[in-house]
Every structure is written in structure tokens, then in C-alpha cells.
């Protein structure tokens, strides 16, 4: 079972992108076609999830705890046969899959509550952002103070999407943009902001980066997960940070599938 958490400016739609006249962008559909259960959730304060009035009280740790409690409730109801009666009582492996800022929140959740049997951290860096000074300064300004901010998607386009992503797909993506709690965004862009938590993870870890992505050096990233007994890093060609919209997205999904199957067989 894959538990998927989106990044900043996104919602669970990132994982289930249904785009008129442009099929094949849904990771959820991919999972179901391969017989895998998947749960995509909106981070607390984003998408259709509750948005606390006082954002300054919503820390990334609060969000991670809320996600852990939500998952616990889902698994309890599955075990009770309320949801997916065919899964009740069956052995399962639960994989936490977090993209970008969702990777950061997944790291926090796993380090504190060990919610998952293994985690896949896609497009999240603990060593610093590989972005221009101008873009970084804009991000810093947008997450200053309390509140819910909107990213400058136009400025981020070259980081989010490779040149071959159709304009119609990008337009559909931008139309689904969500505001982001500033507290989440601030921590996500601090170099080493969750380095201690990453190092505390003992479960298997999968890291995945595109050719154009947030990490200045993906090959340095695995060293940050020194507590894990199994760390794998892969890279995706012809893609930018938002892997699910890349022309090579099927390769990205297949690599994740193979890793989950491999870890399940040997762990």
C-alpha cells in the first residue's frame, strides 16, 4: 500500500492528475492497474484538508502528526473490514511516498512515529536548493511570517517542468495549485532542515531525483540517511522536479515499483 503526500503548492491531485484529452498522468491509475492499493491525502492546511485559522500554530510537526493519525485511522478501518473488506486481516507493507515538501513531511512522520515499513522520498533535498538566487529570494519572501502563501508558478516553470511537457498539461497543473502553510515552506527550503530526522530513519529509504531538480548533487543525498539499513538513489532522465508530468514518468513509476517489490522480498 502506498501512502502518497504531495509537495508545496499542490494537493492530492498531483498523484491523480486527470487531465481532459491527456490521459496517462495519474500515478493512482498506474498503481491500481498493477494491483497496488494507494492512498493520496491532502496535507493538513492544503487542498481539501482543514486550514487552521492561525497558521502560526500549524508547524510541520503538527502536520506530520495529523498525517500519522489519519493513516492509523484508515488502517484501523481496513482491519475492521469497513473499507476494503478483502484486505481485512491480510499482511501488508505500507510505503510512505512523499514528493518535494511532502518528502520533508514524510521524513518527519517516519522519524517520530515510524508509520511506514519503508519510505520513498522523491525530489526533496537536505543539502540545499539548486535554484537561482532570484528564485530563492522570491521563495524566502513568500514564506516569511505566518499565513498561507501561493508560489510564483511562472518563475518555477523551468524547475517544475522539462521543455517537452505540453502547455495544456502545465496549464491543467497550474489550475489545481493550492496555497501552502508558510511554516511548511520555510522548513522545506532550509538546508539540512530535517537532517536529524532523516538520519534517525531506520527503515529502507528510496531517493529519486530528475535531471532538473532541487538537489545540487543527488549522489550526496544518501549519506544523510545513515540510520537506514537500505538506501537506494535513482535519477530520472528528461524530467524536471514534478516527475509525474514528465515524458518519462512511466519510467519513474516503474523504478519505484521495482524498489518496493525488491525491498519487500529481501527486508
C-alpha atoms as a PDB file:
ATOM      1  CA  UNK A   1       0.000   0.000   0.000  1.00  0.00           C
ATOM      2  CA  UNK A   2       1.392   3.405  -0.994  1.00  0.00           C
ATOM      3  CA  UNK A   3       0.577   6.474   1.107  1.00  0.00           C
ATOM      4  CA  UNK A   4       1.267   9.499  -1.078  1.00  0.00           C
ATOM      5  CA  UNK A   5       1.865  13.058   0.067  1.00  0.00           C
ATOM      6  CA  UNK A   6       2.249  15.962  -2.356  1.00  0.00           C
ATOM      7  CA  UNK A   7       4.608  18.922  -2.236  1.00  0.00           C
ATOM      8  CA  UNK A   8       4.217  22.660  -1.807  1.00  0.00           C
ATOM      9  CA  UNK A   9       1.538  24.418  -3.929  1.00  0.00           C
ATOM     10  CA  UNK A  10      -0.004  21.005  -4.659  1.00  0.00           C
ATOM     11  CA  UNK A  11      -2.768  18.757  -3.367  1.00  0.00           C
ATOM     12  CA  UNK A  12      -3.501  15.055  -3.744  1.00  0.00           C
ATOM     13  CA  UNK A  13      -4.330  15.887  -7.372  1.00  0.00           C
ATOM     14  CA  UNK A  14      -0.591  15.643  -8.065  1.00  0.00           C
ATOM     15  CA  UNK A  15      -0.921  11.888  -7.622  1.00  0.00           C
ATOM     16  CA  UNK A  16      -4.182  11.543  -9.538  1.00  0.00           C
ATOM     17  CA  UNK A  17      -3.858  14.080 -12.335  1.00  0.00           C
ATOM     18  CA  UNK A  18      -6.901  13.554 -14.539  1.00  0.00           C
ATOM     19  CA  UNK A  19      -6.429  15.910 -17.490  1.00  0.00           C
ATOM     20  CA  UNK A  20      -9.010  16.166 -20.262  1.00  0.00           C
ATOM     21  CA  UNK A  21      -7.656  14.806 -23.557  1.00  0.00           C
ATOM     22  CA  UNK A  22      -4.333  13.992 -21.884  1.00  0.00           C
ATOM     23  CA  UNK A  23      -4.587  10.538 -20.272  1.00  0.00           C
ATOM     24  CA  UNK A  24      -1.772   8.736 -18.520  1.00  0.00           C
ATOM     25  CA  UNK A  25      -0.701  11.281 -15.905  1.00  0.00           C
ATOM     26  CA  UNK A  26      -2.271   9.588 -12.874  1.00  0.00           C
ATOM     27  CA  UNK A  27       0.050   7.709 -10.534  1.00  0.00           C
ATOM     28  CA  UNK A  28      -3.062   6.407  -8.779  1.00  0.00           C
ATOM     29  CA  UNK A  29      -4.285   4.817 -12.015  1.00  0.00           C
ATOM     30  CA  UNK A  30      -0.835   3.315 -12.541  1.00  0.00           C
ATOM     31  CA  UNK A  31      -0.877   1.743  -9.071  1.00  0.00           C
ATOM     32  CA  UNK A  32      -4.388   0.344  -9.452  1.00  0.00           C
ATOM     33  CA  UNK A  33      -3.540  -1.104 -12.863  1.00  0.00           C
ATOM     34  CA  UNK A  34      -0.711  -3.007 -11.179  1.00  0.00           C
ATOM     35  CA  UNK A  35      -2.852  -4.257  -8.307  1.00  0.00           C
ATOM     36  CA  UNK A  36      -1.431  -1.904  -5.678  1.00  0.00           C
ATOM     37  CA  UNK A  37      -3.523  -0.089  -3.085  1.00  0.00           C
ATOM     38  CA  UNK A  38      -2.839   3.636  -2.891  1.00  0.00           C
ATOM     39  CA  UNK A  39      -3.980   6.449  -0.614  1.00  0.00           C
ATOM     40  CA  UNK A  40      -3.263  10.051  -1.625  1.00  0.00           C
ATOM     41  CA  UNK A  41      -4.034  12.641   1.023  1.00  0.00           C
ATOM     42  CA  UNK A  42      -4.091  16.416   1.200  1.00  0.00           C
ATOM     43  CA  UNK A  43      -1.564  17.722   3.699  1.00  0.00           C
ATOM     44  CA  UNK A  44      -3.087  19.474   6.695  1.00  0.00           C
ATOM     45  CA  UNK A  45      -3.733  23.074   5.657  1.00  0.00           C
ATOM     46  CA  UNK A  46      -3.693  22.300   1.928  1.00  0.00           C
ATOM     47  CA  UNK A  47      -6.094  21.138  -0.768  1.00  0.00           C
ATOM     48  CA  UNK A  48      -9.374  19.975   0.752  1.00  0.00           C
ATOM     49  CA  UNK A  49      -7.898  19.399   4.212  1.00  0.00           C
ATOM     50  CA  UNK A  50      -8.749  21.675   7.119  1.00  0.00           C
ATOM     51  CA  UNK A  51      -6.939  25.011   7.100  1.00  0.00           C
ATOM     52  CA  UNK A  52      -6.328  26.189  10.674  1.00  0.00           C
ATOM     53  CA  UNK A  53      -7.199  29.849  11.121  1.00  0.00           C
ATOM     54  CA  UNK A  54      -3.963  30.558  12.984  1.00  0.00           C
ATOM     55  CA  UNK A  55      -1.295  29.243  10.630  1.00  0.00           C
ATOM     56  CA  UNK A  56       1.448  30.155  13.080  1.00  0.00           C
ATOM     57  CA  UNK A  57       0.224  27.283  15.253  1.00  0.00           C
ATOM     58  CA  UNK A  58       0.465  24.816  12.378  1.00  0.00           C
ATOM     59  CA  UNK A  59       4.019  23.525  12.432  1.00  0.00           C
ATOM     60  CA  UNK A  60       5.387  20.853  10.088  1.00  0.00           C
ATOM     61  CA  UNK A  61       5.456  18.550  13.117  1.00  0.00           C
ATOM     62  CA  UNK A  62       1.739  19.134  13.707  1.00  0.00           C
ATOM     63  CA  UNK A  63       1.107  18.308  10.071  1.00  0.00           C
ATOM     64  CA  UNK A  64       3.189  15.140  10.248  1.00  0.00           C
ATOM     65  CA  UNK A  65       1.320  14.012  13.358  1.00  0.00           C
ATOM     66  CA  UNK A  66      -2.038  14.674  11.692  1.00  0.00           C
ATOM     67  CA  UNK A  67      -0.972  12.582   8.711  1.00  0.00           C
ATOM     68  CA  UNK A  68       0.152   9.757  11.012  1.00  0.00           C
ATOM     69  CA  UNK A  69      -3.168   9.795  12.865  1.00  0.00           C
ATOM     70  CA  UNK A  70      -5.124   9.855   9.607  1.00  0.00           C
ATOM     71  CA  UNK A  71      -3.194   6.849   8.312  1.00  0.00           C
ATOM     72  CA  UNK A  72      -3.689   4.996  11.591  1.00  0.00           C
ATOM     73  CA  UNK A  73      -7.431   5.537  11.361  1.00  0.00           C
ATOM     74  CA  UNK A  74      -7.541   4.314   7.755  1.00  0.00           C
ATOM     75  CA  UNK A  75      -5.607   1.156   8.619  1.00  0.00           C
ATOM     76  CA  UNK A  76      -7.846   0.502  11.636  1.00  0.00           C
ATOM     77  CA  UNK A  77     -10.950   0.752   9.492  1.00  0.00           C
ATOM     78  CA  UNK A  78      -9.414  -1.523   6.874  1.00  0.00           C
ATOM     79  CA  UNK A  79      -8.583  -4.099   9.539  1.00  0.00           C
ATOM     80  CA  UNK A  80     -12.163  -3.876  10.800  1.00  0.00           C
ATOM     81  CA  UNK A  81     -13.449  -4.582   7.298  1.00  0.00           C
ATOM     82  CA  UNK A  82     -15.156  -1.198   6.979  1.00  0.00           C
ATOM     83  CA  UNK A  83     -13.050  -0.207   3.976  1.00  0.00           C
ATOM     84  CA  UNK A  84     -11.838  -2.814   1.542  1.00  0.00           C
ATOM     85  CA  UNK A  85     -13.180  -5.881   3.334  1.00  0.00           C
ATOM     86  CA  UNK A  86     -10.999  -8.072   1.127  1.00  0.00           C
ATOM     87  CA  UNK A  87      -7.924  -6.548   2.802  1.00  0.00           C
ATOM     88  CA  UNK A  88      -9.033  -7.140   6.407  1.00  0.00           C
ATOM     89  CA  UNK A  89      -6.524  -9.238   8.306  1.00  0.00           C
ATOM     90  CA  UNK A  90      -4.140  -9.518   5.375  1.00  0.00           C
ATOM     91  CA  UNK A  91      -0.437  -8.868   5.786  1.00  0.00           C
ATOM     92  CA  UNK A  92       0.625  -5.641   4.134  1.00  0.00           C
ATOM     93  CA  UNK A  93       3.634  -3.425   3.618  1.00  0.00           C
ATOM     94  CA  UNK A  94       2.991   0.288   3.821  1.00  0.00           C
ATOM     95  CA  UNK A  95       5.219   2.615   1.828  1.00  0.00           C
ATOM     96  CA  UNK A  96       5.280   6.329   2.561  1.00  0.00           C
ATOM     97  CA  UNK A  97       5.779   8.227  -0.691  1.00  0.00           C
ATOM     98  CA  UNK A  98       6.478  11.942  -0.396  1.00  0.00           C
ATOM     99  CA  UNK A  99       7.259  14.360  -3.206  1.00  0.00           C
ATOM    100  CA  UNK A 100       9.212  17.567  -2.578  1.00  0.00           C
ATOM    101  CA  UNK A 101       7.874  19.222   0.584  1.00  0.00           C
ATOM    102  CA  UNK A 102       5.771  16.084   1.037  1.00  0.00           C
ATOM    103  CA  UNK A 103       9.072  14.244   1.279  1.00  0.00           C
ATOM    104  CA  UNK A 104      10.065  16.507   4.149  1.00  0.00           C
ATOM    105  CA  UNK A 105       6.781  15.832   5.951  1.00  0.00           C
ATOM    106  CA  UNK A 106       7.170  12.092   5.321  1.00  0.00           C
ATOM    107  CA  UNK A 107      10.648  12.223   6.866  1.00  0.00           C
ATOM    108  CA  UNK A 108       9.276  13.953   9.964  1.00  0.00           C
ATOM    109  CA  UNK A 109       6.444  11.448  10.235  1.00  0.00           C
ATOM    110  CA  UNK A 110       8.671   8.408   9.859  1.00  0.00           C
ATOM    111  CA  UNK A 111      11.356   9.659  12.242  1.00  0.00           C
ATOM    112  CA  UNK A 112       8.837  10.359  15.007  1.00  0.00           C
ATOM    113  CA  UNK A 113       6.129   7.711  14.557  1.00  0.00           C
ATOM    114  CA  UNK A 114       7.615   5.043  12.236  1.00  0.00           C
ATOM    115  CA  UNK A 115       4.349   4.980  10.300  1.00  0.00           C
ATOM    116  CA  UNK A 116       5.758   3.091   7.321  1.00  0.00           C
ATOM    117  CA  UNK A 117       7.648  -0.088   6.511  1.00  0.00           C
ATOM    118  CA  UNK A 118       9.748   1.913   4.056  1.00  0.00           C
ATOM    119  CA  UNK A 119       9.783   5.438   2.649  1.00  0.00           C
ATOM    120  CA  UNK A 120      10.265   6.886  -0.825  1.00  0.00           C
ATOM    121  CA  UNK A 121      11.481  10.489  -0.795  1.00  0.00           C
ATOM    122  CA  UNK A 122      11.091  11.979  -4.252  1.00  0.00           C
ATOM    123  CA  UNK A 123      12.648  15.318  -5.176  1.00  0.00           C
ATOM    124  CA  UNK A 124      13.499  16.544  -1.682  1.00  0.00           C
ATOM    125  CA  UNK A 125      16.951  17.707  -0.630  1.00  0.00           C
ATOM    126  CA  UNK A 126      18.603  18.135   2.740  1.00  0.00           C
ATOM    127  CA  UNK A 127      21.759  19.754   1.333  1.00  0.00           C
ATOM    128  CA  UNK A 128      20.406  22.969  -0.189  1.00  0.00           C
ATOM    129  CA  UNK A 129      18.291  24.102  -3.120  1.00  0.00           C
ATOM    130  CA  UNK A 130      19.721  24.070  -6.636  1.00  0.00           C
ATOM    131  CA  UNK A 131      17.924  27.255  -7.674  1.00  0.00           C
ATOM    132  CA  UNK A 132      18.965  30.701  -8.803  1.00  0.00           C
ATOM    133  CA  UNK A 133      19.491  33.441  -6.242  1.00  0.00           C
ATOM    134  CA  UNK A 134      16.484  35.328  -7.625  1.00  0.00           C
ATOM    135  CA  UNK A 135      14.128  32.359  -7.293  1.00  0.00           C
ATOM    136  CA  UNK A 136      15.460  31.544  -3.840  1.00  0.00           C
ATOM    137  CA  UNK A 137      14.972  35.156  -2.714  1.00  0.00           C
ATOM    138  CA  UNK A 138      11.403  35.079  -4.010  1.00  0.00           C
ATOM    139  CA  UNK A 139      10.705  31.875  -2.085  1.00  0.00           C
ATOM    140  CA  UNK A 140      12.191  33.341   1.090  1.00  0.00           C
ATOM    141  CA  UNK A 141       9.951  36.395   0.797  1.00  0.00           C
ATOM    142  CA  UNK A 142       6.822  34.348   0.139  1.00  0.00           C
ATOM    143  CA  UNK A 143       7.192  32.167   3.241  1.00  0.00           C
ATOM    144  CA  UNK A 144       8.106  34.985   5.627  1.00  0.00           C
ATOM    145  CA  UNK A 145       5.700  35.464   8.515  1.00  0.00           C
ATOM    146  CA  UNK A 146       2.565  33.458   9.193  1.00  0.00           C
ATOM    147  CA  UNK A 147      -0.166  32.633   6.715  1.00  0.00           C
ATOM    148  CA  UNK A 148      -0.857  30.576   3.623  1.00  0.00           C
ATOM    149  CA  UNK A 149       1.157  31.529   0.568  1.00  0.00           C
ATOM    150  CA  UNK A 150       0.974  30.960  -3.168  1.00  0.00           C
ATOM    151  CA  UNK A 151       4.090  30.239  -5.205  1.00  0.00           C
ATOM    152  CA  UNK A 152       5.029  32.057  -8.379  1.00  0.00           C
ATOM    153  CA  UNK A 153       4.363  29.158 -10.732  1.00  0.00           C
ATOM    154  CA  UNK A 154       5.601  31.150 -13.749  1.00  0.00           C
ATOM    155  CA  UNK A 155       9.011  31.644 -12.137  1.00  0.00           C
ATOM    156  CA  UNK A 156       9.119  27.964 -11.164  1.00  0.00           C
ATOM    157  CA  UNK A 157       8.132  26.582 -14.556  1.00  0.00           C
ATOM    158  CA  UNK A 158      11.664  25.753 -15.674  1.00  0.00           C
ATOM    159  CA  UNK A 159      12.280  23.904 -12.406  1.00  0.00           C
ATOM    160  CA  UNK A 160       8.918  22.141 -12.296  1.00  0.00           C
ATOM    161  CA  UNK A 161       8.635  21.000 -15.911  1.00  0.00           C
ATOM    162  CA  UNK A 162      11.007  19.890 -18.652  1.00  0.00           C
ATOM    163  CA  UNK A 163      10.764  21.634 -22.002  1.00  0.00           C
ATOM    164  CA  UNK A 164       8.790  18.803 -23.616  1.00  0.00           C
ATOM    165  CA  UNK A 165       5.841  18.890 -21.176  1.00  0.00           C
ATOM    166  CA  UNK A 166       2.767  20.033 -23.182  1.00  0.00           C
ATOM    167  CA  UNK A 167       1.473  23.516 -22.421  1.00  0.00           C
ATOM    168  CA  UNK A 168      -2.011  22.069 -21.874  1.00  0.00           C
ATOM    169  CA  UNK A 169      -0.682  19.775 -19.158  1.00  0.00           C
ATOM    170  CA  UNK A 170       1.144  22.632 -17.437  1.00  0.00           C
ATOM    171  CA  UNK A 171      -1.992  24.791 -17.624  1.00  0.00           C
ATOM    172  CA  UNK A 172      -4.050  21.999 -16.042  1.00  0.00           C
ATOM    173  CA  UNK A 173      -1.411  21.611 -13.349  1.00  0.00           C
ATOM    174  CA  UNK A 174      -1.333  25.335 -12.578  1.00  0.00           C
ATOM    175  CA  UNK A 175      -5.134  25.444 -12.393  1.00  0.00           C
ATOM    176  CA  UNK A 176      -5.005  22.985  -9.473  1.00  0.00           C
ATOM    177  CA  UNK A 177      -2.483  24.976  -7.412  1.00  0.00           C
ATOM    178  CA  UNK A 178      -3.030  25.095  -3.657  1.00  0.00           C
ATOM    179  CA  UNK A 179      -1.802  27.584  -1.104  1.00  0.00           C
ATOM    180  CA  UNK A 180       0.847  26.298   1.291  1.00  0.00           C
ATOM    181  CA  UNK A 181       1.316  26.897   5.027  1.00  0.00           C
ATOM    182  CA  UNK A 182       4.309  29.200   5.365  1.00  0.00           C
ATOM    183  CA  UNK A 183       5.664  27.131   8.249  1.00  0.00           C
ATOM    184  CA  UNK A 184       5.943  24.125   5.935  1.00  0.00           C
ATOM    185  CA  UNK A 185       7.578  26.150   3.196  1.00  0.00           C
ATOM    186  CA  UNK A 186      10.130  27.794   5.478  1.00  0.00           C
ATOM    187  CA  UNK A 187      11.434  24.495   6.809  1.00  0.00           C
ATOM    188  CA  UNK A 188      11.451  22.850   3.386  1.00  0.00           C
ATOM    189  CA  UNK A 189      13.928  25.367   1.945  1.00  0.00           C
ATOM    190  CA  UNK A 190      16.366  25.411   4.886  1.00  0.00           C
ATOM    191  CA  UNK A 191      19.495  23.363   4.052  1.00  0.00           C
ATOM    192  CA  UNK A 192      19.538  20.452   6.474  1.00  0.00           C
ATOM    193  CA  UNK A 193      16.195  21.493   7.936  1.00  0.00           C
ATOM    194  CA  UNK A 194      15.228  17.893   8.705  1.00  0.00           C
ATOM    195  CA  UNK A 195      18.697  16.337   8.558  1.00  0.00           C
ATOM    196  CA  UNK A 196      18.441  15.000  12.095  1.00  0.00           C
ATOM    197  CA  UNK A 197      15.133  13.325  11.369  1.00  0.00           C
ATOM    198  CA  UNK A 198      16.423  11.859   8.096  1.00  0.00           C
ATOM    199  CA  UNK A 199      19.399  10.362   9.916  1.00  0.00           C
ATOM    200  CA  UNK A 200      17.064   8.827  12.512  1.00  0.00           C
ATOM    201  CA  UNK A 201      15.108   6.768   9.971  1.00  0.00           C
ATOM    202  CA  UNK A 202      15.979   3.079  10.214  1.00  0.00           C
ATOM    203  CA  UNK A 203      13.568   1.742   7.590  1.00  0.00           C
ATOM    204  CA  UNK A 204      14.600   1.318   3.934  1.00  0.00           C
ATOM    205  CA  UNK A 205      14.796   4.605   2.023  1.00  0.00           C
ATOM    206  CA  UNK A 206      14.355   5.274  -1.685  1.00  0.00           C
ATOM    207  CA  UNK A 207      15.549   8.614  -3.093  1.00  0.00           C
ATOM    208  CA  UNK A 208      14.613   9.797  -6.567  1.00  0.00           C
ATOM    209  CA  UNK A 209      15.638  12.910  -8.490  1.00  0.00           C
ATOM    210  CA  UNK A 210      15.129  14.207 -12.013  1.00  0.00           C
ATOM    211  CA  UNK A 211      17.823  15.680 -14.237  1.00  0.00           C
ATOM    212  CA  UNK A 212      16.431  19.107 -13.306  1.00  0.00           C
ATOM    213  CA  UNK A 213      15.592  19.013  -9.616  1.00  0.00           C
ATOM    214  CA  UNK A 214      16.077  20.639  -6.237  1.00  0.00           C
ATOM    215  CA  UNK A 215      19.271  18.852  -5.189  1.00  0.00           C
ATOM    216  CA  UNK A 216      22.623  20.303  -6.263  1.00  0.00           C
ATOM    217  CA  UNK A 217      24.141  16.815  -6.082  1.00  0.00           C
ATOM    218  CA  UNK A 218      21.762  13.828  -5.784  1.00  0.00           C
ATOM    219  CA  UNK A 219      24.667  11.445  -5.211  1.00  0.00           C
ATOM    220  CA  UNK A 220      25.428  13.179  -1.895  1.00  0.00           C
ATOM    221  CA  UNK A 221      21.879  12.756  -0.610  1.00  0.00           C
ATOM    222  CA  UNK A 222      22.043   9.091   0.557  1.00  0.00           C
ATOM    223  CA  UNK A 223      24.674   9.952   3.179  1.00  0.00           C
ATOM    224  CA  UNK A 224      22.010  11.857   5.083  1.00  0.00           C
ATOM    225  CA  UNK A 225      20.125   8.641   5.867  1.00  0.00           C
ATOM    226  CA  UNK A 226      22.889   6.958   7.799  1.00  0.00           C
ATOM    227  CA  UNK A 227      20.484   5.251  10.206  1.00  0.00           C
ATOM    228  CA  UNK A 228      18.814   3.259   7.436  1.00  0.00           C
ATOM    229  CA  UNK A 229      19.905  -0.261   6.626  1.00  0.00           C
ATOM    230  CA  UNK A 230      18.933   0.100   2.965  1.00  0.00           C
ATOM    231  CA  UNK A 231      19.264   3.337   0.944  1.00  0.00           C
ATOM    232  CA  UNK A 232      18.720   3.465  -2.810  1.00  0.00           C
ATOM    233  CA  UNK A 233      19.049   6.522  -5.062  1.00  0.00           C
ATOM    234  CA  UNK A 234      17.862   6.729  -8.663  1.00  0.00           C
ATOM    235  CA  UNK A 235      17.738   9.531 -11.211  1.00  0.00           C
ATOM    236  CA  UNK A 236      15.227  10.222 -13.960  1.00  0.00           C
ATOM    237  CA  UNK A 237      16.302  11.420 -17.396  1.00  0.00           C
ATOM    238  CA  UNK A 238      14.430  14.002 -19.464  1.00  0.00           C
ATOM    239  CA  UNK A 239      12.478  15.269 -16.475  1.00  0.00           C
ATOM    240  CA  UNK A 240      12.234  18.176 -14.070  1.00  0.00           C
ATOM    241  CA  UNK A 241      11.153  18.411 -10.442  1.00  0.00           C
ATOM    242  CA  UNK A 242       7.493  17.442 -10.967  1.00  0.00           C
ATOM    243  CA  UNK A 243       8.245  13.894 -12.053  1.00  0.00           C
ATOM    244  CA  UNK A 244       4.615  12.893 -12.585  1.00  0.00           C
ATOM    245  CA  UNK A 245       4.270  15.256 -15.549  1.00  0.00           C
ATOM    246  CA  UNK A 246       7.494  14.245 -17.283  1.00  0.00           C
ATOM    247  CA  UNK A 247       7.502  12.371 -20.570  1.00  0.00           C
ATOM    248  CA  UNK A 248       9.497   9.718 -18.679  1.00  0.00           C
ATOM    249  CA  UNK A 249       7.014   9.441 -15.789  1.00  0.00           C
ATOM    250  CA  UNK A 250       6.263   5.783 -16.545  1.00  0.00           C
ATOM    251  CA  UNK A 251       9.955   5.042 -16.031  1.00  0.00           C
ATOM    252  CA  UNK A 252       9.843   6.913 -12.724  1.00  0.00           C
ATOM    253  CA  UNK A 253       6.848   4.910 -11.535  1.00  0.00           C
ATOM    254  CA  UNK A 254       8.359   1.619 -12.717  1.00  0.00           C
ATOM    255  CA  UNK A 255      11.597   2.285 -10.821  1.00  0.00           C
ATOM    256  CA  UNK A 256       9.617   2.910  -7.641  1.00  0.00           C
ATOM    257  CA  UNK A 257       7.574  -0.263  -8.216  1.00  0.00           C
ATOM    258  CA  UNK A 258      10.720  -2.348  -8.624  1.00  0.00           C
ATOM    259  CA  UNK A 259      12.259  -0.931  -5.466  1.00  0.00           C
ATOM    260  CA  UNK A 260       9.142  -1.610  -3.389  1.00  0.00           C
ATOM    261  CA  UNK A 261       8.956  -5.169  -4.702  1.00  0.00           C
ATOM    262  CA  UNK A 262      12.670  -5.721  -4.067  1.00  0.00           C
ATOM    263  CA  UNK A 263      12.580  -4.389  -0.516  1.00  0.00           C
ATOM    264  CA  UNK A 264       9.501  -6.473   0.211  1.00  0.00           C
ATOM    265  CA  UNK A 265      11.350  -9.574  -0.943  1.00  0.00           C
ATOM    266  CA  UNK A 266      14.596  -9.043   0.982  1.00  0.00           C
ATOM    267  CA  UNK A 267      13.712  -6.956   4.039  1.00  0.00           C
END
